[in-house]
Amino acid sequence: MSDRAEKPNGQTGPGLPYKIGSEKLIAVTERASQELRKLFEKKGGQDGALRVAVIGGGCAGLSYKMDMVDSPRPKDILVESLGVRIVVDPKSALYVSGSKLDFSDDLQNGGFQVTNPNATSHCSCGKSFST
Protein backbone atom coordinates (compact mmCIF):
# COMPACT_ATOMS: atom_id res chain seq x y z
CA MET A 1 0.00 0.00 0.00
CA SER A 2 1.33 3.41 -0.94
CA ASP A 3 1.27 6.50 1.24
CA ARG A 4 0.88 8.70 -1.82
CA ALA A 5 -2.30 10.73 -2.28
CA GLU A 6 -3.60 13.30 -4.66
CA LYS A 7 -2.94 16.89 -3.61
CA PRO A 8 -5.27 19.79 -4.46
CA ASN A 9 -3.30 20.72 -7.59
CA GLY A 10 -3.64 17.18 -8.96
CA GLN A 11 -0.07 16.15 -8.12
CA THR A 12 0.70 13.24 -5.86
CA GLY A 13 3.09 13.17 -2.98
CA PRO A 14 3.91 11.41 0.26
CA GLY A 15 2.29 12.16 3.58
CA LEU A 16 -1.43 12.07 2.82
CA PRO A 17 -3.10 8.67 3.34
CA TYR A 18 -6.33 10.06 1.86
CA LYS A 19 -7.33 11.84 -1.35
CA ILE A 20 -8.33 15.46 -1.78
CA GLY A 21 -11.62 15.75 -3.65
CA SER A 22 -13.65 18.65 -4.98
CA GLU A 23 -17.16 19.99 -4.60
CA LYS A 24 -18.03 17.93 -7.68
CA LEU A 25 -18.25 15.00 -5.26
CA ILE A 26 -20.28 16.72 -2.55
CA ALA A 27 -20.86 20.37 -1.69
CA VAL A 28 -22.60 22.11 1.20
CA THR A 29 -25.00 25.02 1.17
CA GLU A 30 -24.30 28.16 3.19
CA ARG A 31 -26.95 27.09 5.73
CA ALA A 32 -25.39 23.63 6.16
CA SER A 33 -21.95 25.20 6.52
CA GLN A 34 -23.18 27.50 9.30
CA GLU A 35 -24.81 24.62 11.20
CA LEU A 36 -21.75 22.39 10.85
CA ARG A 37 -19.45 25.12 12.15
CA LYS A 38 -21.74 25.51 15.19
CA LEU A 39 -21.58 21.76 15.84
CA PHE A 40 -17.79 21.70 15.55
CA GLU A 41 -17.50 24.65 17.95
CA LYS A 42 -19.70 22.82 20.50
CA LYS A 43 -17.50 19.75 20.09
CA GLY A 44 -14.47 21.83 20.99
CA GLY A 45 -12.73 22.60 17.76
CA GLN A 46 -13.06 23.32 14.09
CA ASP A 47 -10.50 20.79 12.87
CA GLY A 48 -12.99 17.96 12.52
CA ALA A 49 -14.99 16.80 9.53
CA LEU A 50 -18.42 15.44 8.76
CA ARG A 51 -18.34 11.86 7.49
CA VAL A 52 -21.09 11.16 4.96
CA ALA A 53 -21.58 7.48 4.21
CA VAL A 54 -24.12 5.46 2.28
CA ILE A 55 -25.26 2.28 4.01
CA GLY A 56 -27.73 -0.45 3.17
CA GLY A 57 -31.12 -0.05 4.82
CA GLY A 58 -34.33 1.88 4.83
CA CYS A 59 -37.47 1.40 2.75
CA ALA A 60 -35.76 2.11 -0.58
CA GLY A 61 -32.57 0.13 0.11
CA LEU A 62 -29.92 2.78 0.85
CA SER A 63 -29.64 5.51 3.46
CA TYR A 64 -27.18 8.13 4.63
CA LYS A 65 -25.15 7.96 7.80
CA MET A 66 -23.47 11.12 9.09
CA ASP A 67 -20.93 11.35 11.91
CA MET A 68 -18.53 13.98 13.16
CA VAL A 69 -14.95 12.70 12.96
CA ASP A 70 -11.57 14.08 13.92
CA SER A 71 -9.82 13.26 10.65
CA PRO A 72 -10.13 11.26 7.42
CA ARG A 73 -9.32 7.56 7.37
CA PRO A 74 -6.87 6.08 4.89
CA LYS A 75 -8.40 5.96 1.38
CA ASP A 76 -11.12 8.50 2.31
CA ILE A 77 -11.81 11.48 0.08
CA LEU A 78 -11.67 14.87 1.80
CA VAL A 79 -13.71 17.73 0.37
CA GLU A 80 -13.59 21.29 1.66
CA SER A 81 -16.73 23.29 0.92
CA LEU A 82 -17.61 26.74 2.29
CA GLY A 83 -15.17 26.41 5.16
CA VAL A 84 -16.15 22.93 6.35
CA ARG A 85 -14.59 19.53 5.72
CA ILE A 86 -16.56 16.54 4.45
CA VAL A 87 -15.10 13.03 4.25
CA VAL A 88 -16.51 10.26 2.11
CA ASP A 89 -15.27 6.69 1.80
CA PRO A 90 -14.57 5.45 -1.75
CA LYS A 91 -17.61 3.14 -1.90
CA SER A 92 -20.02 5.87 -0.74
CA ALA A 93 -18.45 8.27 -3.25
CA LEU A 94 -19.94 6.17 -6.04
CA TYR A 95 -23.42 7.00 -4.71
CA VAL A 96 -23.04 10.64 -3.61
CA SER A 97 -21.15 12.11 -6.57
CA GLY A 98 -22.71 15.47 -7.43
CA SER A 99 -24.71 15.71 -4.20
CA LYS A 100 -25.43 18.78 -2.13
CA LEU A 101 -25.75 18.81 1.66
CA ASP A 102 -28.31 21.27 3.01
CA PHE A 103 -29.83 22.05 6.40
CA SER A 104 -33.44 22.76 7.29
CA ASP A 105 -34.90 23.72 10.67
CA ASP A 106 -38.36 22.52 9.68
CA LEU A 107 -40.15 20.93 12.65
CA GLN A 108 -41.04 17.66 10.93
CA ASN A 109 -38.35 17.20 8.30
CA GLY A 110 -35.53 19.28 9.76
CA GLY A 111 -31.85 18.50 9.97
CA PHE A 112 -29.17 17.80 7.39
CA GLN A 113 -30.50 16.62 4.05
CA VAL A 114 -28.70 15.30 1.00
CA THR A 115 -29.93 16.21 -2.47
CA ASN A 116 -28.56 13.43 -4.63
CA PRO A 117 -28.84 13.57 -8.44
CA ASN A 118 -28.05 9.83 -8.63
CA ALA A 119 -31.10 8.77 -6.60
CA THR A 120 -33.77 7.30 -8.85
CA SER A 121 -36.36 6.83 -6.12
CA HIS A 122 -37.01 7.74 -2.50
CA CYS A 123 -39.20 6.19 0.14
CA SER A 124 -42.20 8.16 1.35
CA CYS A 125 -40.47 9.11 4.60
CA GLY A 126 -37.61 10.70 2.63
CA LYS A 127 -34.89 8.98 4.66
CA SER A 128 -33.78 6.36 2.14
CA PHE A 129 -33.17 6.12 -1.58
CA SER A 130 -32.19 3.83 -4.43
CA THR A 131 -30.05 4.30 -7.51
C-alpha atoms as a PDB file:
ATOM      1  CA  MET A   1       0.000   0.000   0.000  1.00  0.00           C
ATOM      2  CA  SER A   2       1.330   3.413  -0.942  1.00  0.00           C
ATOM      3  CA  ASP A   3       1.266   6.501   1.244  1.00  0.00           C
ATOM      4  CA  ARG A   4       0.876   8.698  -1.822  1.00  0.00           C
ATOM      5  CA  ALA A   5      -2.303  10.726  -2.280  1.00  0.00           C
ATOM      6  CA  GLU A   6      -3.602  13.304  -4.660  1.00  0.00           C
ATOM      7  CA  LYS A   7      -2.941  16.888  -3.613  1.00  0.00           C
ATOM      8  CA  PRO A   8      -5.265  19.787  -4.460  1.00  0.00           C
ATOM      9  CA  ASN A   9      -3.304  20.723  -7.587  1.00  0.00           C
ATOM     10  CA  GLY A  10      -3.637  17.183  -8.956  1.00  0.00           C
ATOM     11  CA  GLN A  11      -0.075  16.150  -8.118  1.00  0.00           C
ATOM     12  CA  THR A  12       0.699  13.240  -5.861  1.00  0.00           C
ATOM     13  CA  GLY A  13       3.088  13.167  -2.981  1.00  0.00           C
ATOM     14  CA  PRO A  14       3.907  11.406   0.257  1.00  0.00           C
ATOM     15  CA  GLY A  15       2.290  12.161   3.580  1.00  0.00           C
ATOM     16  CA  LEU A  16      -1.430  12.066   2.820  1.00  0.00           C
ATOM     17  CA  PRO A  17      -3.100   8.672   3.343  1.00  0.00           C
ATOM     18  CA  TYR A  18      -6.335  10.062   1.865  1.00  0.00           C
ATOM     19  CA  LYS A  19      -7.327  11.840  -1.348  1.00  0.00           C
ATOM     20  CA  ILE A  20      -8.334  15.457  -1.784  1.00  0.00           C
ATOM     21  CA  GLY A  21     -11.620  15.750  -3.649  1.00  0.00           C
ATOM     22  CA  SER A  22     -13.646  18.647  -4.977  1.00  0.00           C
ATOM     23  CA  GLU A  23     -17.155  19.987  -4.602  1.00  0.00           C
ATOM     24  CA  LYS A  24     -18.032  17.925  -7.677  1.00  0.00           C
ATOM     25  CA  LEU A  25     -18.251  14.996  -5.262  1.00  0.00           C
ATOM     26  CA  ILE A  26     -20.283  16.724  -2.549  1.00  0.00           C
ATOM     27  CA  ALA A  27     -20.863  20.371  -1.690  1.00  0.00           C
ATOM     28  CA  VAL A  28     -22.599  22.110   1.201  1.00  0.00           C
ATOM     29  CA  THR A  29     -25.001  25.022   1.167  1.00  0.00           C
ATOM     30  CA  GLU A  30     -24.299  28.157   3.193  1.00  0.00           C
ATOM     31  CA  ARG A  31     -26.945  27.094   5.732  1.00  0.00           C
ATOM     32  CA  ALA A  32     -25.386  23.634   6.163  1.00  0.00           C
ATOM     33  CA  SER A  33     -21.951  25.204   6.522  1.00  0.00           C
ATOM     34  CA  GLN A  34     -23.182  27.496   9.303  1.00  0.00           C
ATOM     35  CA  GLU A  35     -24.809  24.620  11.201  1.00  0.00           C
ATOM     36  CA  LEU A  36     -21.749  22.389  10.848  1.00  0.00           C
ATOM     37  CA  ARG A  37     -19.454  25.121  12.154  1.00  0.00           C
ATOM     38  CA  LYS A  38     -21.745  25.514  15.193  1.00  0.00           C
ATOM     39  CA  LEU A  39     -21.583  21.762  15.838  1.00  0.00           C
ATOM     40  CA  PHE A  40     -17.788  21.697  15.554  1.00  0.00           C
ATOM     41  CA  GLU A  41     -17.503  24.646  17.953  1.00  0.00           C
ATOM     42  CA  LYS A  42     -19.698  22.825  20.500  1.00  0.00           C
ATOM     43  CA  LYS A  43     -17.503  19.753  20.094  1.00  0.00           C
ATOM     44  CA  GLY A  44     -14.471  21.832  20.991  1.00  0.00           C
ATOM     45  CA  GLY A  45     -12.726  22.597  17.758  1.00  0.00           C
ATOM     46  CA  GLN A  46     -13.060  23.321  14.090  1.00  0.00           C
ATOM     47  CA  ASP A  47     -10.496  20.787  12.872  1.00  0.00           C
ATOM     48  CA  GLY A  48     -12.992  17.959  12.521  1.00  0.00           C
ATOM     49  CA  ALA A  49     -14.988  16.796   9.531  1.00  0.00           C
ATOM     50  CA  LEU A  50     -18.420  15.436   8.759  1.00  0.00           C
ATOM     51  CA  ARG A  51     -18.338  11.864   7.488  1.00  0.00           C
ATOM     52  CA  VAL A  52     -21.094  11.164   4.960  1.00  0.00           C
ATOM     53  CA  ALA A  53     -21.576   7.480   4.209  1.00  0.00           C
ATOM     54  CA  VAL A  54     -24.122   5.455   2.276  1.00  0.00           C
ATOM     55  CA  ILE A  55     -25.260   2.281   4.007  1.00  0.00           C
ATOM     56  CA  GLY A  56     -27.734  -0.447   3.174  1.00  0.00           C
ATOM     57  CA  GLY A  57     -31.119  -0.051   4.817  1.00  0.00           C
ATOM     58  CA  GLY A  58     -34.334   1.877   4.826  1.00  0.00           C
ATOM     59  CA  CYS A  59     -37.466   1.402   2.748  1.00  0.00           C
ATOM     60  CA  ALA A  60     -35.756   2.113  -0.582  1.00  0.00           C
ATOM     61  CA  GLY A  61     -32.572   0.127   0.106  1.00  0.00           C
ATOM     62  CA  LEU A  62     -29.920   2.776   0.853  1.00  0.00           C
ATOM     63  CA  SER A  63     -29.644   5.506   3.461  1.00  0.00           C
ATOM     64  CA  TYR A  64     -27.176   8.126   4.629  1.00  0.00           C
ATOM     65  CA  LYS A  65     -25.155   7.965   7.801  1.00  0.00           C
ATOM     66  CA  MET A  66     -23.470  11.124   9.090  1.00  0.00           C
ATOM     67  CA  ASP A  67     -20.930  11.349  11.906  1.00  0.00           C
ATOM     68  CA  MET A  68     -18.534  13.979  13.156  1.00  0.00           C
ATOM     69  CA  VAL A  69     -14.953  12.695  12.960  1.00  0.00           C
ATOM     70  CA  ASP A  70     -11.567  14.080  13.919  1.00  0.00           C
ATOM     71  CA  SER A  71      -9.820  13.262  10.648  1.00  0.00           C
ATOM     72  CA  PRO A  72     -10.132  11.259   7.420  1.00  0.00           C
ATOM     73  CA  ARG A  73      -9.318   7.558   7.375  1.00  0.00           C
ATOM     74  CA  PRO A  74      -6.866   6.076   4.891  1.00  0.00           C
ATOM     75  CA  LYS A  75      -8.398   5.964   1.376  1.00  0.00           C
ATOM     76  CA  ASP A  76     -11.122   8.502   2.306  1.00  0.00           C
ATOM     77  CA  ILE A  77     -11.815  11.479   0.084  1.00  0.00           C
ATOM     78  CA  LEU A  78     -11.665  14.869   1.802  1.00  0.00           C
ATOM     79  CA  VAL A  79     -13.705  17.728   0.371  1.00  0.00           C
ATOM     80  CA  GLU A  80     -13.592  21.287   1.663  1.00  0.00           C
ATOM     81  CA  SER A  81     -16.730  23.289   0.923  1.00  0.00           C
ATOM     82  CA  LEU A  82     -17.614  26.736   2.289  1.00  0.00           C
ATOM     83  CA  GLY A  83     -15.168  26.407   5.162  1.00  0.00           C
ATOM     84  CA  VAL A  84     -16.147  22.928   6.353  1.00  0.00           C
ATOM     85  CA  ARG A  85     -14.585  19.529   5.719  1.00  0.00           C
ATOM     86  CA  ILE A  86     -16.561  16.538   4.445  1.00  0.00           C
ATOM     87  CA  VAL A  87     -15.096  13.035   4.250  1.00  0.00           C
ATOM     88  CA  VAL A  88     -16.509  10.259   2.111  1.00  0.00           C
ATOM     89  CA  ASP A  89     -15.273   6.686   1.801  1.00  0.00           C
ATOM     90  CA  PRO A  90     -14.569   5.453  -1.751  1.00  0.00           C
ATOM     91  CA  LYS A  91     -17.613   3.141  -1.900  1.00  0.00           C
ATOM     92  CA  SER A  92     -20.018   5.866  -0.742  1.00  0.00           C
ATOM     93  CA  ALA A  93     -18.446   8.271  -3.248  1.00  0.00           C
ATOM     94  CA  LEU A  94     -19.941   6.169  -6.044  1.00  0.00           C
ATOM     95  CA  TYR A  95     -23.423   6.999  -4.710  1.00  0.00           C
ATOM     96  CA  VAL A  96     -23.035  10.641  -3.609  1.00  0.00           C
ATOM     97  CA  SER A  97     -21.153  12.111  -6.567  1.00  0.00           C
ATOM     98  CA  GLY A  98     -22.714  15.468  -7.434  1.00  0.00           C
ATOM     99  CA  SER A  99     -24.707  15.707  -4.200  1.00  0.00           C
ATOM    100  CA  LYS A 100     -25.430  18.781  -2.130  1.00  0.00           C
ATOM    101  CA  LEU A 101     -25.747  18.809   1.662  1.00  0.00           C
ATOM    102  CA  ASP A 102     -28.308  21.269   3.008  1.00  0.00           C
ATOM    103  CA  PHE A 103     -29.834  22.047   6.402  1.00  0.00           C
ATOM    104  CA  SER A 104     -33.442  22.757   7.295  1.00  0.00           C
ATOM    105  CA  ASP A 105     -34.896  23.725  10.668  1.00  0.00           C
ATOM    106  CA  ASP A 106     -38.364  22.516   9.676  1.00  0.00           C
ATOM    107  CA  LEU A 107     -40.147  20.934  12.649  1.00  0.00           C
ATOM    108  CA  GLN A 108     -41.036  17.657  10.933  1.00  0.00           C
ATOM    109  CA  ASN A 109     -38.352  17.202   8.296  1.00  0.00           C
ATOM    110  CA  GLY A 110     -35.532  19.281   9.763  1.00  0.00           C
ATOM    111  CA  GLY A 111     -31.851  18.504   9.968  1.00  0.00           C
ATOM    112  CA  PHE A 112     -29.172  17.800   7.393  1.00  0.00           C
ATOM    113  CA  GLN A 113     -30.505  16.621   4.053  1.00  0.00           C
ATOM    114  CA  VAL A 114     -28.696  15.299   0.995  1.00  0.00           C
ATOM    115  CA  THR A 115     -29.928  16.214  -2.474  1.00  0.00           C
ATOM    116  CA  ASN A 116     -28.557  13.426  -4.630  1.00  0.00           C
ATOM    117  CA  PRO A 117     -28.836  13.567  -8.441  1.00  0.00           C
ATOM    118  CA  ASN A 118     -28.053   9.829  -8.629  1.00  0.00           C
ATOM    119  CA  ALA A 119     -31.104   8.770  -6.603  1.00  0.00           C
ATOM    120  CA  THR A 120     -33.771   7.302  -8.854  1.00  0.00           C
ATOM    121  CA  SER A 121     -36.363   6.832  -6.122  1.00  0.00           C
ATOM    122  CA  HIS A 122     -37.008   7.741  -2.500  1.00  0.00           C
ATOM    123  CA  CYS A 123     -39.198   6.194   0.135  1.00  0.00           C
ATOM    124  CA  SER A 124     -42.201   8.163   1.351  1.00  0.00           C
ATOM    125  CA  CYS A 125     -40.469   9.110   4.604  1.00  0.00           C
ATOM    126  CA  GLY A 126     -37.613  10.698   2.632  1.00  0.00           C
ATOM    127  CA  LYS A 127     -34.893   8.982   4.664  1.00  0.00           C
ATOM    128  CA  SER A 128     -33.777   6.364   2.143  1.00  0.00           C
ATOM    129  CA  PHE A 129     -33.166   6.123  -1.576  1.00  0.00           C
ATOM    130  CA  SER A 130     -32.191   3.829  -4.427  1.00  0.00           C
ATOM    131  CA  THR A 131     -30.049   4.297  -7.513  1.00  0.00           C
END
